[in-house]
PDB file of N, CA and C in Angstrom:
ATOM      1  N   UNK A   1     121.419  98.372 103.356  1.00  0.00           N
ATOM      2  CA  UNK A   1     120.193  98.885 102.781  1.00  0.00           C
ATOM      3  C   UNK A   1     119.947  98.285 101.399  1.00  0.00           C
ATOM      4  N   UNK A   2     120.981  98.227 100.562  1.00  0.00           N
ATOM      5  CA  UNK A   2     120.814  97.692  99.218  1.00  0.00           C
ATOM      6  C   UNK A   2     120.466  96.213  99.276  1.00  0.00           C
ATOM      7  N   UNK A   3     121.116  95.467 100.164  1.00  0.00           N
ATOM      8  CA  UNK A   3     120.810  94.039 100.283  1.00  0.00           C
ATOM      9  C   UNK A   3     119.373  93.817 100.738  1.00  0.00           C
ATOM     10  N   UNK A   4     118.890  94.643 101.658  1.00  0.00           N
ATOM     11  CA  UNK A   4     117.505  94.540 102.102  1.00  0.00           C
ATOM     12  C   UNK A   4     116.554  94.826 100.940  1.00  0.00           C
ATOM     13  N   UNK A   5     116.849  95.858 100.180  1.00  0.00           N
ATOM     14  CA  UNK A   5     116.021  96.235  99.031  1.00  0.00           C
ATOM     15  C   UNK A   5     115.967  95.093  98.018  1.00  0.00           C
ATOM     16  N   UNK A   6     117.124  94.508  97.712  1.00  0.00           N
ATOM     17  CA  UNK A   6     117.182  93.402  96.752  1.00  0.00           C
ATOM     18  C   UNK A   6     116.442  92.179  97.291  1.00  0.00           C
ATOM     19  N   UNK A   7     116.618  91.889  98.583  1.00  0.00           N
ATOM     20  CA  UNK A   7     115.933  90.741  99.189  1.00  0.00           C
ATOM     21  C   UNK A   7     114.423  90.943  99.175  1.00  0.00           C
ATOM     22  N   UNK A   8     113.981  92.154  99.467  1.00  0.00           N
ATOM     23  CA  UNK A   8     112.553  92.465  99.439  1.00  0.00           C
ATOM     24  C   UNK A   8     111.987  92.262  98.030  1.00  0.00           C
ATOM     25  N   UNK A   9     112.725  92.703  97.014  1.00  0.00           N
ATOM     26  CA  UNK A   9     112.295  92.519  95.629  1.00  0.00           C
ATOM     27  C   UNK A   9     112.232  91.038  95.274  1.00  0.00           C
ATOM     28  N   UNK A  10     113.239  90.272  95.679  1.00  0.00           N
ATOM     29  CA  UNK A  10     113.260  88.840  95.387  1.00  0.00           C
ATOM     30  C   UNK A  10     112.084  88.131  96.065  1.00  0.00           C
ATOM     31  N   UNK A  11     111.711  88.564  97.254  1.00  0.00           N
ATOM     32  CA  UNK A  11     110.554  87.972  97.938  1.00  0.00           C
ATOM     33  C   UNK A  11     109.258  88.291  97.178  1.00  0.00           C
ATOM     34  N   UNK A  12     109.149  89.512  96.687  1.00  0.00           N
ATOM     35  CA  UNK A  12     107.973  89.889  95.893  1.00  0.00           C
ATOM     36  C   UNK A  12     107.891  89.043  94.628  1.00  0.00           C
ATOM     37  N   UNK A  13     109.049  88.741  94.046  1.00  0.00           N
ATOM     38  CA  UNK A  13     109.087  87.976  92.803  1.00  0.00           C
ATOM     39  C   UNK A  13     108.618  86.538  93.002  1.00  0.00           C
ATOM     40  N   UNK A  14     108.634  86.062  94.231  1.00  0.00           N
ATOM     41  CA  UNK A  14     108.165  84.703  94.519  1.00  0.00           C
ATOM     42  C   UNK A  14     106.642  84.599  94.483  1.00  0.00           C
ATOM     43  N   UNK A  15     105.966  85.728  94.661  1.00  0.00           N
ATOM     44  CA  UNK A  15     104.507  85.676  94.760  1.00  0.00           C
ATOM     45  C   UNK A  15     103.775  86.497  93.694  1.00  0.00           C
ATOM     46  N   UNK A  16     104.475  87.376  93.005  1.00  0.00           N
ATOM     47  CA  UNK A  16     103.831  88.260  92.034  1.00  0.00           C
ATOM     48  C   UNK A  16     104.389  88.007  90.633  1.00  0.00           C
ATOM     49  N   UNK A  17     103.564  88.203  89.602  1.00  0.00           N
ATOM     50  CA  UNK A  17     104.086  88.080  88.233  1.00  0.00           C
ATOM     51  C   UNK A  17     105.138  89.166  87.969  1.00  0.00           C
ATOM     52  N   UNK A  18     106.168  88.804  87.204  1.00  0.00           N
ATOM     53  CA  UNK A  18     107.230  89.773  86.910  1.00  0.00           C
ATOM     54  C   UNK A  18     107.856  89.453  85.561  1.00  0.00           C
ATOM     55  N   UNK A  19     108.578  90.415  85.030  1.00  0.00           N
ATOM     56  CA  UNK A  19     109.394  90.215  83.838  1.00  0.00           C
ATOM     57  C   UNK A  19     110.762  90.831  84.105  1.00  0.00           C
ATOM     58  N   UNK A  20     111.767  90.302  83.414  1.00  0.00           N
ATOM     59  CA  UNK A  20     113.141  90.776  83.587  1.00  0.00           C
ATOM     60  C   UNK A  20     113.598  91.400  82.284  1.00  0.00           C
ATOM     61  N   UNK A  21     114.209  92.563  82.377  1.00  0.00           N
ATOM     62  CA  UNK A  21     114.734  93.255  81.207  1.00  0.00           C
ATOM     63  C   UNK A  21     116.245  93.408  81.378  1.00  0.00           C
ATOM     64  N   UNK A  22     116.982  93.088  80.323  1.00  0.00           N
ATOM     65  CA  UNK A  22     118.437  93.242  80.310  1.00  0.00           C
ATOM     66  C   UNK A  22     118.798  94.107  79.113  1.00  0.00           C
ATOM     67  N   UNK A  23     119.684  95.065  79.326  1.00  0.00           N
ATOM     68  CA  UNK A  23     120.135  95.908  78.228  1.00  0.00           C
ATOM     69  C   UNK A  23     121.648  95.978  78.281  1.00  0.00           C
ATOM     70  N   UNK A  24     122.313  95.728  77.176  1.00  0.00           N
ATOM     71  CA  UNK A  24     123.774  95.748  77.136  1.00  0.00           C
ATOM     72  C   UNK A  24     124.310  97.076  76.645  1.00  0.00           C
ATOM     73  N   UNK A  25     125.429  97.481  77.232  1.00  0.00           N
ATOM     74  CA  UNK A  25     126.084  98.710  76.787  1.00  0.00           C
ATOM     75  C   UNK A  25     126.909  98.430  75.541  1.00  0.00           C
ATOM     76  N   UNK A  26     127.386  99.480  74.908  1.00  0.00           N
ATOM     77  CA  UNK A  26     128.216  99.343  73.721  1.00  0.00           C
ATOM     78  C   UNK A  26     129.671  99.721  73.975  1.00  0.00           C
ATOM     79  N   UNK A  27     130.083  99.778  75.223  1.00  0.00           N
ATOM     80  CA  UNK A  27     131.458 100.153  75.555  1.00  0.00           C
ATOM     81  C   UNK A  27     132.406  99.035  75.144  1.00  0.00           C
ATOM     82  N   UNK A  28     133.347  99.333  74.274  1.00  0.00           N
ATOM     83  CA  UNK A  28     134.267  98.325  73.748  1.00  0.00           C
ATOM     84  C   UNK A  28     135.567  98.241  74.544  1.00  0.00           C
ATOM     85  N   UNK A  29     135.928  99.288  75.289  1.00  0.00           N
ATOM     86  CA  UNK A  29     137.225  99.325  75.955  1.00  0.00           C
ATOM     87  C   UNK A  29     137.239  98.572  77.283  1.00  0.00           C
ATOM     88  N   UNK A  30     136.315  98.858  78.131  1.00  0.00           N
ATOM     89  CA  UNK A  30     136.333  98.332  79.493  1.00  0.00           C
ATOM     90  C   UNK A  30     135.632  96.985  79.586  1.00  0.00           C
ATOM     91  N   UNK A  31     134.595  96.796  78.858  1.00  0.00           N
ATOM     92  CA  UNK A  31     133.728  95.635  78.955  1.00  0.00           C
ATOM     93  C   UNK A  31     132.305  96.105  78.814  1.00  0.00           C
ATOM     94  N   UNK A  32     131.400  95.188  78.807  1.00  0.00           N
ATOM     95  CA  UNK A  32     130.001  95.569  78.641  1.00  0.00           C
ATOM     96  C   UNK A  32     129.265  95.452  79.967  1.00  0.00           C
ATOM     97  N   UNK A  33     128.388  96.401  80.206  1.00  0.00           N
ATOM     98  CA  UNK A  33     127.581  96.429  81.422  1.00  0.00           C
ATOM     99  C   UNK A  33     126.164  95.987  81.059  1.00  0.00           C
ATOM    100  N   UNK A  34     125.577  95.164  81.911  1.00  0.00           N
ATOM    101  CA  UNK A  34     124.235  94.626  81.672  1.00  0.00           C
ATOM    102  C   UNK A  34     123.356  94.849  82.900  1.00  0.00           C
ATOM    103  N   UNK A  35     122.619  95.964  82.937  1.00  0.00           N
ATOM    104  CA  UNK A  35     121.715  96.169  84.060  1.00  0.00           C
ATOM    105  C   UNK A  35     120.496  95.248  83.958  1.00  0.00           C
ATOM    106  N   UNK A  36     120.100  94.695  85.085  1.00  0.00           N
ATOM    107  CA  UNK A  36     118.903  93.860  85.176  1.00  0.00           C
ATOM    108  C   UNK A  36     117.802  94.676  85.843  1.00  0.00           C
ATOM    109  N   UNK A  37     116.703  94.837  85.154  1.00  0.00           N
ATOM    110  CA  UNK A  37     115.553  95.561  85.678  1.00  0.00           C
ATOM    111  C   UNK A  37     114.359  94.619  85.728  1.00  0.00           C
ATOM    112  N   UNK A  38     113.604  94.699  86.785  1.00  0.00           N
ATOM    113  CA  UNK A  38     112.423  93.854  86.956  1.00  0.00           C
ATOM    114  C   UNK A  38     111.176  94.726  86.908  1.00  0.00           C
ATOM    115  N   UNK A  39     110.203  94.289  86.127  1.00  0.00           N
ATOM    116  CA  UNK A  39     108.872  94.911  86.155  1.00  0.00           C
ATOM    117  C   UNK A  39     107.982  93.948  86.907  1.00  0.00           C
ATOM    118  N   UNK A  40     107.332  94.467  87.946  1.00  0.00           N
ATOM    119  CA  UNK A  40     106.568  93.604  88.841  1.00  0.00           C
ATOM    120  C   UNK A  40     105.343  94.342  89.374  1.00  0.00           C
ATOM    121  N   UNK A  41     104.325  93.564  89.683  1.00  0.00           N
ATOM    122  CA  UNK A  41     103.130  94.153  90.278  1.00  0.00           C
ATOM    123  C   UNK A  41     103.395  94.363  91.767  1.00  0.00           C
ATOM    124  N   UNK A  42     103.275  95.601  92.215  1.00  0.00           N
ATOM    125  CA  UNK A  42     103.478  95.960  93.618  1.00  0.00           C
ATOM    126  C   UNK A  42     102.111  96.087  94.280  1.00  0.00           C
ATOM    127  N   UNK A  43     101.798  95.160  95.185  1.00  0.00           N
ATOM    128  CA  UNK A  43     100.477  95.169  95.829  1.00  0.00           C
ATOM    129  C   UNK A  43     100.292  96.392  96.723  1.00  0.00           C
ATOM    130  N   UNK A  44     101.373  96.916  97.269  1.00  0.00           N
ATOM    131  CA  UNK A  44     101.271  98.101  98.122  1.00  0.00           C
ATOM    132  C   UNK A  44     100.886  99.350  97.332  1.00  0.00           C
ATOM    133  N   UNK A  45     101.290  99.406  96.072  1.00  0.00           N
ATOM    134  CA  UNK A  45     100.970 100.556  95.215  1.00  0.00           C
ATOM    135  C   UNK A  45      99.817 100.267  94.265  1.00  0.00           C
ATOM    136  N   UNK A  46      99.421  99.014  94.187  1.00  0.00           N
ATOM    137  CA  UNK A  46      98.360  98.577  93.267  1.00  0.00           C
ATOM    138  C   UNK A  46      98.680  98.957  91.826  1.00  0.00           C
ATOM    139  N   UNK A  47      99.955  98.766  91.454  1.00  0.00           N
ATOM    140  CA  UNK A  47     100.363  99.068  90.085  1.00  0.00           C
ATOM    141  C   UNK A  47     101.630  98.300  89.731  1.00  0.00           C
ATOM    142  N   UNK A  48     101.935  98.294  88.444  1.00  0.00           N
ATOM    143  CA  UNK A  48     103.163  97.681  87.970  1.00  0.00           C
ATOM    144  C   UNK A  48     104.284  98.704  88.100  1.00  0.00           C
ATOM    145  N   UNK A  49     105.415  98.270  88.662  1.00  0.00           N
ATOM    146  CA  UNK A  49     106.550  99.163  88.873  1.00  0.00           C
ATOM    147  C   UNK A  49     107.807  98.542  88.273  1.00  0.00           C
ATOM    148  N   UNK A  50     108.787  99.367  87.977  1.00  0.00           N
ATOM    149  CA  UNK A  50     110.097  98.901  87.515  1.00  0.00           C
ATOM    150  C   UNK A  50     111.086  99.072  88.650  1.00  0.00           C
ATOM    151  N   UNK A  51     111.873  98.030  88.886  1.00  0.00           N
ATOM    152  CA  UNK A  51     112.874  98.060  89.955  1.00  0.00           C
ATOM    153  C   UNK A  51     114.214  97.558  89.425  1.00  0.00           C
ATOM    154  N   UNK A  52     115.272  98.236  89.819  1.00  0.00           N
ATOM    155  CA  UNK A  52     116.622  97.816  89.479  1.00  0.00           C
ATOM    156  C   UNK A  52     116.974  96.619  90.348  1.00  0.00           C
ATOM    157  N   UNK A  53     117.472  95.531  89.739  1.00  0.00           N
ATOM    158  CA  UNK A  53     117.833  94.338  90.500  1.00  0.00           C
ATOM    159  C   UNK A  53     119.341  94.231  90.682  1.00  0.00           C
ATOM    160  N   UNK A  54     120.096  94.368  89.595  1.00  0.00           N
ATOM    161  CA  UNK A  54     121.535  94.182  89.677  1.00  0.00           C
ATOM    162  C   UNK A  54     122.175  94.674  88.387  1.00  0.00           C
ATOM    163  N   UNK A  55     123.496  94.767  88.395  1.00  0.00           N
ATOM    164  CA  UNK A  55     124.217  95.073  87.176  1.00  0.00           C
ATOM    165  C   UNK A  55     125.375  94.092  87.062  1.00  0.00           C
ATOM    166  N   UNK A  56     125.541  93.536  85.893  1.00  0.00           N
ATOM    167  CA  UNK A  56     126.603  92.573  85.630  1.00  0.00           C
ATOM    168  C   UNK A  56     127.530  93.170  84.585  1.00  0.00           C
ATOM    169  N   UNK A  57     128.795  92.783  84.640  1.00  0.00           N
ATOM    170  CA  UNK A  57     129.723  93.218  83.595  1.00  0.00           C
ATOM    171  C   UNK A  57     130.424  91.992  83.033  1.00  0.00           C
ATOM    172  N   UNK A  58     130.647  92.029  81.739  1.00  0.00           N
ATOM    173  CA  UNK A  58     131.357  90.957  81.052  1.00  0.00           C
ATOM    174  C   UNK A  58     132.487  91.611  80.279  1.00  0.00           C
ATOM    175  N   UNK A  59     133.711  91.181  80.569  1.00  0.00           N
ATOM    176  CA  UNK A  59     134.864  91.761  79.882  1.00  0.00           C
ATOM    177  C   UNK A  59     135.243  90.888  78.699  1.00  0.00           C
ATOM    178  N   UNK A  60     135.979  91.464  77.793  1.00  0.00           N
ATOM    179  CA  UNK A  60     136.417  90.740  76.605  1.00  0.00           C
ATOM    180  C   UNK A  60     135.769  91.301  75.367  1.00  0.00           C
ATOM    181  N   UNK A  61     136.510  91.340  74.306  1.00  0.00           N
ATOM    182  CA  UNK A  61     136.010  91.949  73.079  1.00  0.00           C
ATOM    183  C   UNK A  61     135.218  90.963  72.220  1.00  0.00           C
ATOM    184  N   UNK A  62     135.232  89.671  72.563  1.00  0.00           N
ATOM    185  CA  UNK A  62     134.572  88.674  71.730  1.00  0.00           C
ATOM    186  C   UNK A  62     133.085  88.543  71.962  1.00  0.00           C
ATOM    187  N   UNK A  63     132.557  89.195  72.980  1.00  0.00           N
ATOM    188  CA  UNK A  63     131.142  89.048  73.305  1.00  0.00           C
ATOM    189  C   UNK A  63     130.305  90.125  72.638  1.00  0.00           C
ATOM    190  N   UNK A  64     129.326  89.723  71.865  1.00  0.00           N
ATOM    191  CA  UNK A  64     128.375  90.686  71.328  1.00  0.00           C
ATOM    192  C   UNK A  64     127.361  91.004  72.422  1.00  0.00           C
ATOM    193  N   UNK A  65     126.579  92.040  72.219  1.00  0.00           N
ATOM    194  CA  UNK A  65     125.556  92.396  73.190  1.00  0.00           C
ATOM    195  C   UNK A  65     124.551  91.264  73.349  1.00  0.00           C
ATOM    196  N   UNK A  66     124.187  90.613  72.260  1.00  0.00           N
ATOM    197  CA  UNK A  66     123.227  89.503  72.322  1.00  0.00           C
ATOM    198  C   UNK A  66     123.805  88.326  73.110  1.00  0.00           C
ATOM    199  N   UNK A  67     125.067  88.007  72.895  1.00  0.00           N
ATOM    200  CA  UNK A  67     125.701  86.918  73.644  1.00  0.00           C
ATOM    201  C   UNK A  67     125.775  87.262  75.123  1.00  0.00           C
ATOM    202  N   UNK A  68     126.152  88.473  75.432  1.00  0.00           N
ATOM    203  CA  UNK A  68     126.235  88.907  76.829  1.00  0.00           C
ATOM    204  C   UNK A  68     124.890  88.876  77.507  1.00  0.00           C
ATOM    205  N   UNK A  69     123.852  89.319  76.794  1.00  0.00           N
ATOM    206  CA  UNK A  69     122.501  89.291  77.355  1.00  0.00           C
ATOM    207  C   UNK A  69     122.084  87.865  77.658  1.00  0.00           C
ATOM    208  N   UNK A  70     122.383  86.940  76.759  1.00  0.00           N
ATOM    209  CA  UNK A  70     122.043  85.535  76.978  1.00  0.00           C
ATOM    210  C   UNK A  70     122.777  84.983  78.198  1.00  0.00           C
ATOM    211  N   UNK A  71     124.050  85.336  78.356  1.00  0.00           N
ATOM    212  CA  UNK A  71     124.828  84.878  79.508  1.00  0.00           C
ATOM    213  C   UNK A  71     124.229  85.405  80.801  1.00  0.00           C
ATOM    214  N   UNK A  72     123.902  86.692  80.838  1.00  0.00           N
ATOM    215  CA  UNK A  72     123.338  87.305  82.037  1.00  0.00           C
ATOM    216  C   UNK A  72     121.996  86.666  82.383  1.00  0.00           C
ATOM    217  N   UNK A  73     121.154  86.436  81.396  1.00  0.00           N
ATOM    218  CA  UNK A  73     119.858  85.809  81.665  1.00  0.00           C
ATOM    219  C   UNK A  73     120.026  84.373  82.152  1.00  0.00           C
ATOM    220  N   UNK A  74     120.982  83.637  81.612  1.00  0.00           N
ATOM    221  CA  UNK A  74     121.237  82.276  82.091  1.00  0.00           C
ATOM    222  C   UNK A  74     121.696  82.289  83.544  1.00  0.00           C
ATOM    223  N   UNK A  75     122.559  83.233  83.895  1.00  0.00           N
ATOM    224  CA  UNK A  75     122.998  83.353  85.282  1.00  0.00           C
ATOM    225  C   UNK A  75     121.834  83.700  86.198  1.00  0.00           C
ATOM    226  N   UNK A  76     120.982  84.629  85.770  1.00  0.00           N
ATOM    227  CA  UNK A  76     119.824  85.016  86.564  1.00  0.00           C
ATOM    228  C   UNK A  76     118.918  83.817  86.801  1.00  0.00           C
ATOM    229  N   UNK A  77     118.620  83.068  85.751  1.00  0.00           N
ATOM    230  CA  UNK A  77     117.722  81.914  85.866  1.00  0.00           C
ATOM    231  C   UNK A  77     118.326  80.857  86.780  1.00  0.00           C
ATOM    232  N   UNK A  78     119.606  80.567  86.632  1.00  0.00           N
ATOM    233  CA  UNK A  78     120.219  79.538  87.480  1.00  0.00           C
ATOM    234  C   UNK A  78     120.227  79.970  88.948  1.00  0.00           C
ATOM    235  N   UNK A  79     120.476  81.244  89.223  1.00  0.00           N
ATOM    236  CA  UNK A  79     120.422  81.744  90.598  1.00  0.00           C
ATOM    237  C   UNK A  79     119.000  81.721  91.144  1.00  0.00           C
ATOM    238  N   UNK A  80     118.052  82.069  90.304  1.00  0.00           N
ATOM    239  CA  UNK A  80     116.645  82.099  90.708  1.00  0.00           C
ATOM    240  C   UNK A  80     116.160  80.701  91.070  1.00  0.00           C
ATOM    241  N   UNK A  81     116.575  79.703  90.304  1.00  0.00           N
ATOM    242  CA  UNK A  81     116.133  78.334  90.544  1.00  0.00           C
ATOM    243  C   UNK A  81     116.752  77.759  91.820  1.00  0.00           C
ATOM    244  N   UNK A  82     117.904  78.283  92.237  1.00  0.00           N
ATOM    245  CA  UNK A  82     118.542  77.797  93.448  1.00  0.00           C
ATOM    246  C   UNK A  82     117.864  78.321  94.702  1.00  0.00           C
ATOM    247  N   UNK A  83     117.208  79.443  94.602  1.00  0.00           N
ATOM    248  CA  UNK A  83     116.579  80.066  95.777  1.00  0.00           C
ATOM    249  C   UNK A  83     115.378  79.345  96.257  1.00  0.00           C
TER     250      UNK A  83
END
């Protein structure tokens, strides 16, 4: 079900304008979590909606939230360009 939902969102992103939002956590012990959220125009609802795309984690104490966000966005872009 989750894979279908993600695939459906990725298909919508091929034809509709969208933006990607990444927010980093401040957890220092385990690692940082970076949820990816997409805002996209949903033609079925005739409105802009927010959808959860994925969550990434980066371990290590040397990464700031800004560095982690940049890494996650680079990974997203490289994966997006391969599709």
